[in-house]
Amino acid sequence: MKTFAALIAMSLVFVLSGCNTVKGVGQDLQKAGEKIEDVAKKK
């Protein structure tokens, strides 16, 4: 659970620092969600 929380926190940092538009936020959130799904499928 700690790993999952850390992953979400890191994703939020990248999302907030890496995009300048609403469209960019949506794309970043989608990519973060895909990464979280990948991690969840591996466990």
N, C-alpha and C. Protein backbone atom coordinates (compact mmCIF):
# COMPACT_ATOMS: atom_id res chain seq x y z
N MET A 1 0.83 -1.20 0.00
CA MET A 1 0.00 0.00 0.00
C MET A 1 0.87 1.26 0.00
N LYS A 2 2.00 1.19 0.72
CA LYS A 2 2.89 2.34 0.75
C LYS A 2 3.47 2.61 -0.64
N THR A 3 3.77 1.55 -1.37
CA THR A 3 4.31 1.70 -2.72
C THR A 3 3.28 2.37 -3.63
N PHE A 4 2.04 1.96 -3.49
CA PHE A 4 0.96 2.53 -4.29
C PHE A 4 0.80 4.02 -3.99
N ALA A 5 0.83 4.38 -2.71
CA ALA A 5 0.69 5.78 -2.31
C ALA A 5 1.87 6.60 -2.84
N ALA A 6 3.06 6.04 -2.77
CA ALA A 6 4.24 6.74 -3.27
C ALA A 6 4.15 6.93 -4.78
N LEU A 7 3.66 5.93 -5.47
CA LEU A 7 3.51 6.02 -6.92
C LEU A 7 2.52 7.12 -7.30
N ILE A 8 1.42 7.19 -6.59
CA ILE A 8 0.44 8.23 -6.87
C ILE A 8 1.02 9.62 -6.58
N ALA A 9 1.73 9.74 -5.48
CA ALA A 9 2.33 11.03 -5.13
C ALA A 9 3.33 11.47 -6.20
N MET A 10 4.16 10.54 -6.66
CA MET A 10 5.13 10.87 -7.70
C MET A 10 4.43 11.25 -9.00
N SER A 11 3.36 10.55 -9.31
CA SER A 11 2.61 10.85 -10.53
C SER A 11 2.03 12.25 -10.47
N LEU A 12 1.49 12.62 -9.33
CA LEU A 12 0.92 13.96 -9.19
C LEU A 12 1.98 15.03 -9.36
N VAL A 13 3.16 14.80 -8.83
CA VAL A 13 4.26 15.77 -8.98
C VAL A 13 4.59 15.95 -10.46
N PHE A 14 4.70 14.85 -11.18
CA PHE A 14 5.02 14.95 -12.61
C PHE A 14 3.89 15.61 -13.40
N VAL A 15 2.67 15.29 -13.05
CA VAL A 15 1.52 15.89 -13.74
C VAL A 15 1.51 17.40 -13.52
N LEU A 16 1.68 17.81 -12.29
CA LEU A 16 1.60 19.24 -11.99
C LEU A 16 2.78 20.03 -12.54
N SER A 17 3.94 19.39 -12.66
CA SER A 17 5.11 20.13 -13.13
C SER A 17 5.33 20.02 -14.64
N GLY A 18 4.70 19.04 -15.28
CA GLY A 18 5.03 18.76 -16.67
C GLY A 18 4.05 19.23 -17.71
N CYS A 19 2.98 19.91 -17.34
CA CYS A 19 2.01 20.30 -18.36
C CYS A 19 1.54 21.73 -18.13
N ASN A 20 1.18 22.37 -19.20
CA ASN A 20 0.77 23.77 -19.14
C ASN A 20 -0.67 24.02 -19.55
N THR A 21 -1.32 23.01 -20.06
CA THR A 21 -2.69 23.20 -20.55
C THR A 21 -3.61 22.15 -19.95
N VAL A 22 -4.89 22.38 -20.04
CA VAL A 22 -5.87 21.41 -19.56
C VAL A 22 -5.75 20.11 -20.35
N LYS A 23 -5.54 20.22 -21.63
CA LYS A 23 -5.37 19.02 -22.46
C LYS A 23 -4.14 18.24 -22.00
N GLY A 24 -3.08 18.95 -21.69
CA GLY A 24 -1.85 18.31 -21.20
C GLY A 24 -2.08 17.60 -19.88
N VAL A 25 -2.87 18.20 -19.00
CA VAL A 25 -3.19 17.56 -17.71
C VAL A 25 -3.91 16.25 -17.96
N GLY A 26 -4.88 16.27 -18.86
CA GLY A 26 -5.63 15.06 -19.17
C GLY A 26 -4.74 13.96 -19.71
N GLN A 27 -3.84 14.31 -20.59
CA GLN A 27 -2.93 13.32 -21.16
C GLN A 27 -1.99 12.77 -20.09
N ASP A 28 -1.48 13.64 -19.24
CA ASP A 28 -0.59 13.19 -18.18
C ASP A 28 -1.31 12.28 -17.19
N LEU A 29 -2.55 12.62 -16.84
CA LEU A 29 -3.32 11.78 -15.93
C LEU A 29 -3.60 10.42 -16.55
N GLN A 30 -3.86 10.40 -17.84
CA GLN A 30 -4.11 9.14 -18.51
C GLN A 30 -2.86 8.26 -18.48
N LYS A 31 -1.71 8.85 -18.75
CA LYS A 31 -0.46 8.09 -18.72
C LYS A 31 -0.15 7.59 -17.32
N ALA A 32 -0.40 8.42 -16.31
CA ALA A 32 -0.18 8.01 -14.93
C ALA A 32 -1.10 6.85 -14.57
N GLY A 33 -2.34 6.92 -15.02
CA GLY A 33 -3.28 5.84 -14.77
C GLY A 33 -2.85 4.54 -15.42
N GLU A 34 -2.31 4.63 -16.61
CA GLU A 34 -1.82 3.43 -17.30
C GLU A 34 -0.66 2.81 -16.54
N LYS A 35 0.23 3.63 -16.02
CA LYS A 35 1.37 3.12 -15.25
C LYS A 35 0.89 2.44 -13.97
N ILE A 36 -0.10 3.03 -13.32
CA ILE A 36 -0.64 2.43 -12.09
C ILE A 36 -1.30 1.10 -12.41
N GLU A 37 -2.00 1.02 -13.52
CA GLU A 37 -2.63 -0.24 -13.93
C GLU A 37 -1.57 -1.30 -14.20
N ASP A 38 -0.48 -0.92 -14.85
CA ASP A 38 0.60 -1.86 -15.13
C ASP A 38 1.18 -2.43 -13.84
N VAL A 39 1.41 -1.55 -12.87
CA VAL A 39 1.95 -1.99 -11.58
C VAL A 39 0.97 -2.92 -10.88
N ALA A 40 -0.31 -2.58 -10.93
CA ALA A 40 -1.33 -3.40 -10.26
C ALA A 40 -1.45 -4.77 -10.92
N LYS A 41 -1.30 -4.84 -12.24
CA LYS A 41 -1.40 -6.12 -12.93
C LYS A 41 -0.23 -7.04 -12.61
N LYS A 42 0.94 -6.46 -12.33
CA LYS A 42 2.14 -7.25 -12.04
C LYS A 42 2.07 -7.90 -10.67
N LYS A 43 1.25 -7.35 -9.77
CA LYS A 43 1.20 -7.89 -8.40
C LYS A 43 0.12 -8.92 -8.25
